[in-house]
Amino acid sequence: MTLIRTADRFYPSLLNQLFNRELLDWNNTGFSAEDSTLPAVNILEDENRIQIEVAAPGMKKDDFKVELNQNRLTVSAESEKESNETNERYSRKEFNYRSFTRQFNVPVETINGDQIQASYKDGILMLTLPKREELKPKPARAIEIQ
């Protein structure tokens, strides 16, 4: 049996519009329907490191806070901007506040937590988590036959 949704002819579609919106999409709770306040993230891994790229344009490096606690890497940022313009005829005040927190579970037995590096350039926060030397793949070793 297939259910087909039809428009109600007797009642306005106000209820249909209310329940069709992303208001009930729990994945977007707390965020606007068009844009999420969480930045996009790329995670890259090779034999030497894990690299996390966080897209956060318009911020300064002092806005970020990066912490490693047990196996959880937390990246958070907070930015506040305010501008005032006053004239004889008008007064204008604008302000903007942005913040986010992202958490990543990292394999602490694999990475060297003391050597994690972070840099911010061109709107990208780059985190480099180097792997422990003893866990890196070693090249093949030739064994001499006697």
N, C-alpha and C. Protein backbone atom coordinates (compact mmCIF):
# COMPACT_ATOMS: atom_id res chain seq x y z
N MET A 1 0.85 -1.17 0.00
CA MET A 1 0.00 0.00 0.00
C MET A 1 0.89 1.24 0.00
N THR A 2 0.58 2.19 -0.84
CA THR A 2 1.34 3.42 -0.96
C THR A 2 0.51 4.57 -0.41
N LEU A 3 1.14 5.36 0.45
CA LEU A 3 0.46 6.54 0.98
C LEU A 3 0.83 7.74 0.13
N ILE A 4 -0.17 8.48 -0.29
CA ILE A 4 0.05 9.66 -1.11
C ILE A 4 -0.52 10.85 -0.38
N ARG A 5 0.29 11.89 -0.23
CA ARG A 5 -0.15 13.10 0.45
C ARG A 5 -0.94 13.97 -0.54
N THR A 6 -2.10 14.43 -0.12
CA THR A 6 -2.90 15.31 -0.97
C THR A 6 -3.20 16.60 -0.22
N ALA A 7 -3.45 17.65 -0.95
CA ALA A 7 -3.79 18.93 -0.34
C ALA A 7 -5.22 18.89 0.17
N ASP A 8 -5.43 19.45 1.33
CA ASP A 8 -6.77 19.51 1.91
C ASP A 8 -7.53 20.68 1.27
N ARG A 9 -8.68 20.39 0.69
CA ARG A 9 -9.42 21.43 -0.03
C ARG A 9 -10.19 22.36 0.90
N PHE A 10 -10.54 21.88 2.08
CA PHE A 10 -11.40 22.66 2.96
C PHE A 10 -10.65 23.54 3.93
N TYR A 11 -9.46 23.16 4.29
CA TYR A 11 -8.69 23.95 5.26
C TYR A 11 -7.46 24.53 4.57
N PRO A 12 -7.09 25.71 4.96
CA PRO A 12 -5.86 26.28 4.38
C PRO A 12 -4.67 25.39 4.71
N SER A 13 -3.66 25.52 3.94
CA SER A 13 -2.50 24.65 4.11
C SER A 13 -1.53 25.17 5.17
N LEU A 14 -2.00 25.98 6.12
CA LEU A 14 -1.15 26.51 7.17
C LEU A 14 -0.54 25.39 8.00
N LEU A 15 -1.34 24.42 8.40
CA LEU A 15 -0.80 23.31 9.16
C LEU A 15 0.19 22.49 8.35
N ASN A 16 -0.13 22.29 7.09
CA ASN A 16 0.80 21.56 6.23
C ASN A 16 2.12 22.29 6.12
N GLN A 17 2.08 23.62 5.97
CA GLN A 17 3.31 24.39 5.88
C GLN A 17 4.09 24.32 7.18
N LEU A 18 3.39 24.39 8.31
CA LEU A 18 4.06 24.34 9.60
C LEU A 18 4.79 23.02 9.79
N PHE A 19 4.14 21.92 9.45
CA PHE A 19 4.75 20.61 9.69
C PHE A 19 5.70 20.17 8.59
N ASN A 20 5.69 20.86 7.45
CA ASN A 20 6.63 20.53 6.38
C ASN A 20 7.97 21.23 6.55
N ARG A 21 8.04 22.25 7.37
CA ARG A 21 9.27 23.02 7.51
C ARG A 21 10.35 22.23 8.21
N GLU A 22 11.54 22.76 8.15
CA GLU A 22 12.66 22.11 8.81
C GLU A 22 12.63 22.33 10.32
N LEU A 23 11.57 22.94 10.79
CA LEU A 23 11.40 23.13 12.22
C LEU A 23 11.44 21.78 12.94
N LEU A 24 10.89 20.77 12.32
CA LEU A 24 10.84 19.46 12.96
C LEU A 24 12.01 18.57 12.57
N ASP A 25 12.96 19.09 11.83
CA ASP A 25 14.15 18.33 11.49
C ASP A 25 15.13 18.45 12.65
N TRP A 26 15.21 17.42 13.47
CA TRP A 26 16.00 17.47 14.70
C TRP A 26 17.49 17.56 14.42
N ASN A 27 17.93 17.24 13.23
CA ASN A 27 19.34 17.36 12.90
C ASN A 27 19.79 18.81 12.83
N ASN A 28 18.86 19.73 12.58
CA ASN A 28 19.20 21.15 12.48
C ASN A 28 18.83 21.93 13.73
N THR A 29 18.58 21.26 14.84
CA THR A 29 18.17 21.93 16.06
C THR A 29 19.18 23.00 16.46
N GLY A 30 18.72 24.21 16.64
CA GLY A 30 19.57 25.29 17.08
C GLY A 30 20.28 26.02 15.96
N PHE A 31 20.06 25.64 14.73
CA PHE A 31 20.74 26.27 13.61
C PHE A 31 19.71 26.77 12.62
N SER A 32 20.11 27.72 11.82
CA SER A 32 19.19 28.21 10.80
C SER A 32 19.01 27.16 9.72
N ALA A 33 17.94 27.27 8.99
CA ALA A 33 17.65 26.28 7.95
C ALA A 33 18.62 26.38 6.79
N GLU A 34 19.18 27.57 6.54
CA GLU A 34 20.04 27.75 5.39
C GLU A 34 21.50 27.45 5.68
N ASP A 35 21.96 27.82 6.86
CA ASP A 35 23.36 27.68 7.19
C ASP A 35 23.53 27.12 8.58
N SER A 36 24.42 26.21 8.72
CA SER A 36 24.74 25.69 10.04
C SER A 36 25.85 26.54 10.62
N THR A 37 25.84 26.71 11.93
CA THR A 37 26.90 27.49 12.56
C THR A 37 28.13 26.65 12.80
N LEU A 38 28.06 25.35 12.58
CA LEU A 38 29.24 24.50 12.72
C LEU A 38 30.08 24.58 11.46
N PRO A 39 31.38 24.78 11.61
CA PRO A 39 32.23 24.88 10.42
C PRO A 39 32.44 23.51 9.78
N ALA A 40 32.71 23.53 8.49
CA ALA A 40 33.03 22.31 7.76
C ALA A 40 34.42 21.83 8.19
N VAL A 41 34.61 20.52 8.17
CA VAL A 41 35.86 19.92 8.62
C VAL A 41 36.33 18.88 7.62
N ASN A 42 37.64 18.89 7.33
CA ASN A 42 38.28 17.84 6.55
C ASN A 42 39.25 17.12 7.46
N ILE A 43 39.25 15.79 7.40
CA ILE A 43 40.19 15.00 8.19
C ILE A 43 40.99 14.14 7.23
N LEU A 44 42.30 14.30 7.27
CA LEU A 44 43.21 13.58 6.38
C LEU A 44 44.18 12.77 7.24
N GLU A 45 44.53 11.58 6.78
CA GLU A 45 45.47 10.75 7.51
C GLU A 45 46.46 10.13 6.55
N ASP A 46 47.73 10.14 6.95
CA ASP A 46 48.75 9.41 6.23
C ASP A 46 49.59 8.65 7.25
N GLU A 47 50.70 8.08 6.83
CA GLU A 47 51.49 7.25 7.74
C GLU A 47 52.20 8.06 8.83
N ASN A 48 52.32 9.38 8.67
CA ASN A 48 53.03 10.21 9.64
C ASN A 48 52.14 11.03 10.57
N ARG A 49 50.92 11.33 10.14
CA ARG A 49 50.09 12.24 10.93
C ARG A 49 48.61 12.13 10.57
N ILE A 50 47.81 12.74 11.44
CA ILE A 50 46.39 13.00 11.18
C ILE A 50 46.27 14.51 11.09
N GLN A 51 45.62 15.00 10.06
CA GLN A 51 45.48 16.43 9.86
C GLN A 51 44.00 16.79 9.83
N ILE A 52 43.64 17.80 10.63
CA ILE A 52 42.25 18.26 10.70
C ILE A 52 42.22 19.71 10.22
N GLU A 53 41.39 19.98 9.22
CA GLU A 53 41.23 21.33 8.69
C GLU A 53 39.82 21.80 9.04
N VAL A 54 39.74 22.93 9.75
CA VAL A 54 38.46 23.50 10.17
C VAL A 54 38.26 24.81 9.43
N ALA A 55 37.19 24.91 8.64
CA ALA A 55 36.91 26.13 7.87
C ALA A 55 36.17 27.12 8.77
N ALA A 56 36.87 28.20 9.16
CA ALA A 56 36.29 29.22 10.03
C ALA A 56 36.74 30.60 9.57
N PRO A 57 36.23 31.06 8.42
CA PRO A 57 36.66 32.37 7.91
C PRO A 57 36.14 33.51 8.77
N GLY A 58 36.87 34.62 8.73
CA GLY A 58 36.44 35.82 9.43
C GLY A 58 36.82 35.85 10.89
N MET A 59 37.55 34.87 11.36
CA MET A 59 37.95 34.85 12.76
C MET A 59 39.44 35.15 12.86
N LYS A 60 39.90 35.38 14.08
CA LYS A 60 41.32 35.60 14.35
C LYS A 60 41.85 34.41 15.13
N LYS A 61 43.16 34.21 15.10
CA LYS A 61 43.71 33.05 15.78
C LYS A 61 43.50 33.11 17.29
N ASP A 62 43.35 34.32 17.84
CA ASP A 62 43.09 34.46 19.27
C ASP A 62 41.67 34.06 19.65
N ASP A 63 40.78 33.91 18.68
CA ASP A 63 39.40 33.50 18.95
C ASP A 63 39.29 32.00 19.25
N PHE A 64 40.31 31.22 18.90
CA PHE A 64 40.25 29.76 19.01
C PHE A 64 40.81 29.25 20.33
N LYS A 65 40.29 28.11 20.74
CA LYS A 65 40.80 27.39 21.90
C LYS A 65 40.82 25.91 21.51
N VAL A 66 41.99 25.27 21.64
CA VAL A 66 42.14 23.85 21.27
C VAL A 66 42.66 23.11 22.50
N GLU A 67 41.97 22.04 22.88
CA GLU A 67 42.36 21.25 24.05
C GLU A 67 42.31 19.77 23.75
N LEU A 68 43.25 19.04 24.33
CA LEU A 68 43.25 17.58 24.26
C LEU A 68 43.07 17.07 25.68
N ASN A 69 41.98 16.36 25.92
CA ASN A 69 41.69 15.80 27.23
C ASN A 69 41.36 14.33 27.04
N GLN A 70 42.23 13.47 27.58
CA GLN A 70 42.11 12.02 27.38
C GLN A 70 42.15 11.74 25.88
N ASN A 71 41.09 11.20 25.32
CA ASN A 71 41.07 10.91 23.88
C ASN A 71 40.14 11.86 23.12
N ARG A 72 39.83 13.01 23.70
CA ARG A 72 38.92 13.96 23.07
C ARG A 72 39.64 15.26 22.76
N LEU A 73 39.64 15.62 21.47
CA LEU A 73 40.21 16.89 21.02
C LEU A 73 39.04 17.85 20.83
N THR A 74 39.09 18.98 21.54
CA THR A 74 38.01 19.96 21.48
C THR A 74 38.53 21.23 20.82
N VAL A 75 37.82 21.67 19.79
CA VAL A 75 38.12 22.91 19.10
C VAL A 75 36.93 23.83 19.30
N SER A 76 37.17 24.99 19.90
CA SER A 76 36.09 25.94 20.10
C SER A 76 36.57 27.33 19.70
N ALA A 77 35.61 28.18 19.37
CA ALA A 77 35.94 29.55 18.98
C ALA A 77 34.80 30.46 19.37
N GLU A 78 35.15 31.70 19.64
CA GLU A 78 34.17 32.70 20.00
C GLU A 78 34.62 34.03 19.41
N SER A 79 33.73 34.68 18.70
CA SER A 79 34.06 35.94 18.05
C SER A 79 32.92 36.92 18.27
N GLU A 80 33.27 38.14 18.63
CA GLU A 80 32.26 39.17 18.87
C GLU A 80 32.72 40.46 18.20
N LYS A 81 31.84 41.04 17.40
CA LYS A 81 32.15 42.29 16.71
C LYS A 81 31.01 43.28 16.96
N GLU A 82 31.38 44.53 17.16
CA GLU A 82 30.38 45.56 17.38
C GLU A 82 30.84 46.84 16.71
N SER A 83 29.91 47.55 16.08
CA SER A 83 30.24 48.83 15.46
C SER A 83 29.13 49.83 15.75
N ASN A 84 29.55 51.05 16.00
CA ASN A 84 28.61 52.15 16.27
C ASN A 84 28.89 53.28 15.29
N GLU A 85 27.82 53.87 14.78
CA GLU A 85 27.95 55.04 13.92
C GLU A 85 26.88 56.04 14.34
N THR A 86 27.32 57.22 14.69
CA THR A 86 26.39 58.25 15.14
C THR A 86 26.56 59.49 14.28
N ASN A 87 25.45 60.06 13.91
CA ASN A 87 25.42 61.24 13.07
C ASN A 87 24.36 62.18 13.64
N GLU A 88 24.25 63.38 13.10
CA GLU A 88 23.21 64.31 13.54
C GLU A 88 21.82 63.75 13.29
N ARG A 89 21.68 63.00 12.21
CA ARG A 89 20.36 62.55 11.78
C ARG A 89 20.02 61.14 12.23
N TYR A 90 21.03 60.32 12.50
CA TYR A 90 20.73 58.94 12.86
C TYR A 90 21.84 58.35 13.73
N SER A 91 21.51 57.23 14.30
CA SER A 91 22.48 56.46 15.08
C SER A 91 22.31 55.00 14.67
N ARG A 92 23.40 54.35 14.34
CA ARG A 92 23.34 52.96 13.89
C ARG A 92 24.29 52.12 14.72
N LYS A 93 23.81 51.00 15.20
CA LYS A 93 24.62 50.09 15.99
C LYS A 93 24.43 48.68 15.43
N GLU A 94 25.54 48.03 15.13
CA GLU A 94 25.50 46.66 14.62
C GLU A 94 26.39 45.80 15.48
N PHE A 95 25.97 44.55 15.67
CA PHE A 95 26.82 43.63 16.40
C PHE A 95 26.65 42.23 15.83
N ASN A 96 27.68 41.42 16.02
CA ASN A 96 27.69 40.06 15.51
C ASN A 96 28.40 39.19 16.54
N TYR A 97 27.81 38.07 16.84
CA TYR A 97 28.40 37.13 17.80
C TYR A 97 28.36 35.74 17.17
N ARG A 98 29.52 35.07 17.14
CA ARG A 98 29.60 33.71 16.61
C ARG A 98 30.39 32.85 17.58
N SER A 99 29.96 31.63 17.73
CA SER A 99 30.73 30.68 18.52
C SER A 99 30.41 29.27 18.04
N PHE A 100 31.34 28.37 18.25
CA PHE A 100 31.12 26.96 17.94
C PHE A 100 32.04 26.11 18.79
N THR A 101 31.70 24.85 18.91
CA THR A 101 32.54 23.85 19.56
C THR A 101 32.42 22.56 18.76
N ARG A 102 33.56 22.00 18.39
CA ARG A 102 33.60 20.70 17.72
C ARG A 102 34.49 19.79 18.53
N GLN A 103 34.11 18.55 18.67
CA GLN A 103 34.90 17.58 19.41
C GLN A 103 35.19 16.38 18.52
N PHE A 104 36.41 15.85 18.67
CA PHE A 104 36.85 14.71 17.88
C PHE A 104 37.44 13.67 18.83
N ASN A 105 37.06 12.43 18.64
CA ASN A 105 37.70 11.34 19.38
C ASN A 105 38.97 10.98 18.63
N VAL A 106 40.10 11.06 19.31
CA VAL A 106 41.38 10.76 18.67
C VAL A 106 42.00 9.56 19.37
N PRO A 107 42.67 8.71 18.62
CA PRO A 107 43.32 7.55 19.21
C PRO A 107 44.62 7.96 19.91
N VAL A 108 44.54 8.23 21.22
CA VAL A 108 45.71 8.73 21.94
C VAL A 108 46.85 7.72 21.97
N GLU A 109 46.54 6.46 21.78
CA GLU A 109 47.62 5.46 21.73
C GLU A 109 48.37 5.53 20.40
N THR A 110 47.81 6.20 19.41
CA THR A 110 48.43 6.33 18.09
C THR A 110 49.14 7.66 17.90
N ILE A 111 48.60 8.75 18.46
CA ILE A 111 49.18 10.07 18.22
C ILE A 111 50.08 10.49 19.38
N ASN A 112 50.96 11.42 19.08
CA ASN A 112 51.84 12.01 20.09
C ASN A 112 51.21 13.32 20.53
N GLY A 113 50.47 13.30 21.63
CA GLY A 113 49.72 14.46 22.09
C GLY A 113 50.57 15.66 22.45
N ASP A 114 51.84 15.44 22.81
CA ASP A 114 52.72 16.55 23.19
C ASP A 114 53.19 17.35 21.99
N GLN A 115 53.04 16.82 20.79
CA GLN A 115 53.55 17.49 19.60
C GLN A 115 52.44 17.97 18.66
N ILE A 116 51.22 18.08 19.15
CA ILE A 116 50.12 18.58 18.32
C ILE A 116 50.38 20.05 18.01
N GLN A 117 50.19 20.42 16.75
CA GLN A 117 50.42 21.80 16.31
C GLN A 117 49.14 22.35 15.70
N ALA A 118 48.94 23.67 15.86
CA ALA A 118 47.78 24.33 15.29
C ALA A 118 48.22 25.63 14.65
N SER A 119 47.64 25.94 13.49
CA SER A 119 47.92 27.20 12.81
C SER A 119 46.63 27.67 12.15
N TYR A 120 46.52 28.99 11.97
CA TYR A 120 45.34 29.58 11.34
C TYR A 120 45.78 30.51 10.24
N LYS A 121 45.32 30.22 9.02
CA LYS A 121 45.70 31.03 7.86
C LYS A 121 44.59 30.97 6.82
N ASP A 122 44.25 32.11 6.26
CA ASP A 122 43.27 32.21 5.18
C ASP A 122 41.93 31.56 5.53
N GLY A 123 41.49 31.70 6.79
CA GLY A 123 40.19 31.17 7.19
C GLY A 123 40.17 29.69 7.52
N ILE A 124 41.32 29.04 7.52
CA ILE A 124 41.41 27.61 7.82
C ILE A 124 42.25 27.40 9.07
N LEU A 125 41.67 26.73 10.07
CA LEU A 125 42.42 26.31 11.24
C LEU A 125 42.97 24.93 10.93
N MET A 126 44.29 24.79 10.95
CA MET A 126 44.94 23.53 10.59
C MET A 126 45.53 22.91 11.85
N LEU A 127 45.07 21.70 12.19
CA LEU A 127 45.58 20.96 13.33
C LEU A 127 46.36 19.76 12.81
N THR A 128 47.59 19.59 13.29
CA THR A 128 48.43 18.47 12.89
C THR A 128 48.70 17.61 14.11
N LEU A 129 48.27 16.36 14.03
CA LEU A 129 48.46 15.41 15.11
C LEU A 129 49.46 14.36 14.65
N PRO A 130 50.74 14.49 15.04
CA PRO A 130 51.74 13.54 14.57
C PRO A 130 51.55 12.18 15.23
N LYS A 131 51.85 11.13 14.48
CA LYS A 131 51.75 9.77 15.01
C LYS A 131 53.02 9.43 15.78
N ARG A 132 52.89 8.53 16.72
CA ARG A 132 54.05 8.07 17.50
C ARG A 132 55.03 7.36 16.58
N GLU A 133 56.31 7.58 16.84
CA GLU A 133 57.36 7.01 16.01
C GLU A 133 57.30 5.48 15.97
N GLU A 134 57.04 4.86 17.12
CA GLU A 134 57.05 3.40 17.18
C GLU A 134 55.89 2.77 16.42
N LEU A 135 54.86 3.57 16.09
CA LEU A 135 53.71 3.03 15.37
C LEU A 135 53.75 3.33 13.87
N LYS A 136 54.70 4.15 13.44
CA LYS A 136 54.81 4.45 12.02
C LYS A 136 55.32 3.22 11.29
N PRO A 137 54.85 2.99 10.07
CA PRO A 137 55.34 1.84 9.31
C PRO A 137 56.83 1.99 9.02
N LYS A 138 57.55 0.91 9.21
CA LYS A 138 58.99 0.93 8.98
C LYS A 138 59.28 0.32 7.60
N PRO A 139 60.29 0.86 6.91
CA PRO A 139 60.61 0.30 5.60
C PRO A 139 61.19 -1.11 5.75
N ALA A 140 61.11 -1.85 4.68
CA ALA A 140 61.64 -3.21 4.69
C ALA A 140 63.15 -3.16 4.92
N ARG A 141 63.62 -4.12 5.70
CA ARG A 141 65.05 -4.17 6.03
C ARG A 141 65.63 -5.42 5.40
N ALA A 142 66.70 -5.23 4.68
CA ALA A 142 67.36 -6.38 4.04
C ALA A 142 68.17 -7.13 5.10
N ILE A 143 68.06 -8.44 5.10
CA ILE A 143 68.79 -9.28 6.05
C ILE A 143 69.83 -10.06 5.28
N GLU A 144 71.04 -9.92 5.75
CA GLU A 144 72.17 -10.59 5.09
C GLU A 144 72.15 -12.07 5.43
N ILE A 145 72.36 -12.88 4.43
CA ILE A 145 72.42 -14.32 4.61
C ILE A 145 73.87 -14.72 4.77
N GLN A 146 74.16 -15.49 5.82
CA GLN A 146 75.53 -15.90 6.08
C GLN A 146 75.80 -17.33 5.70
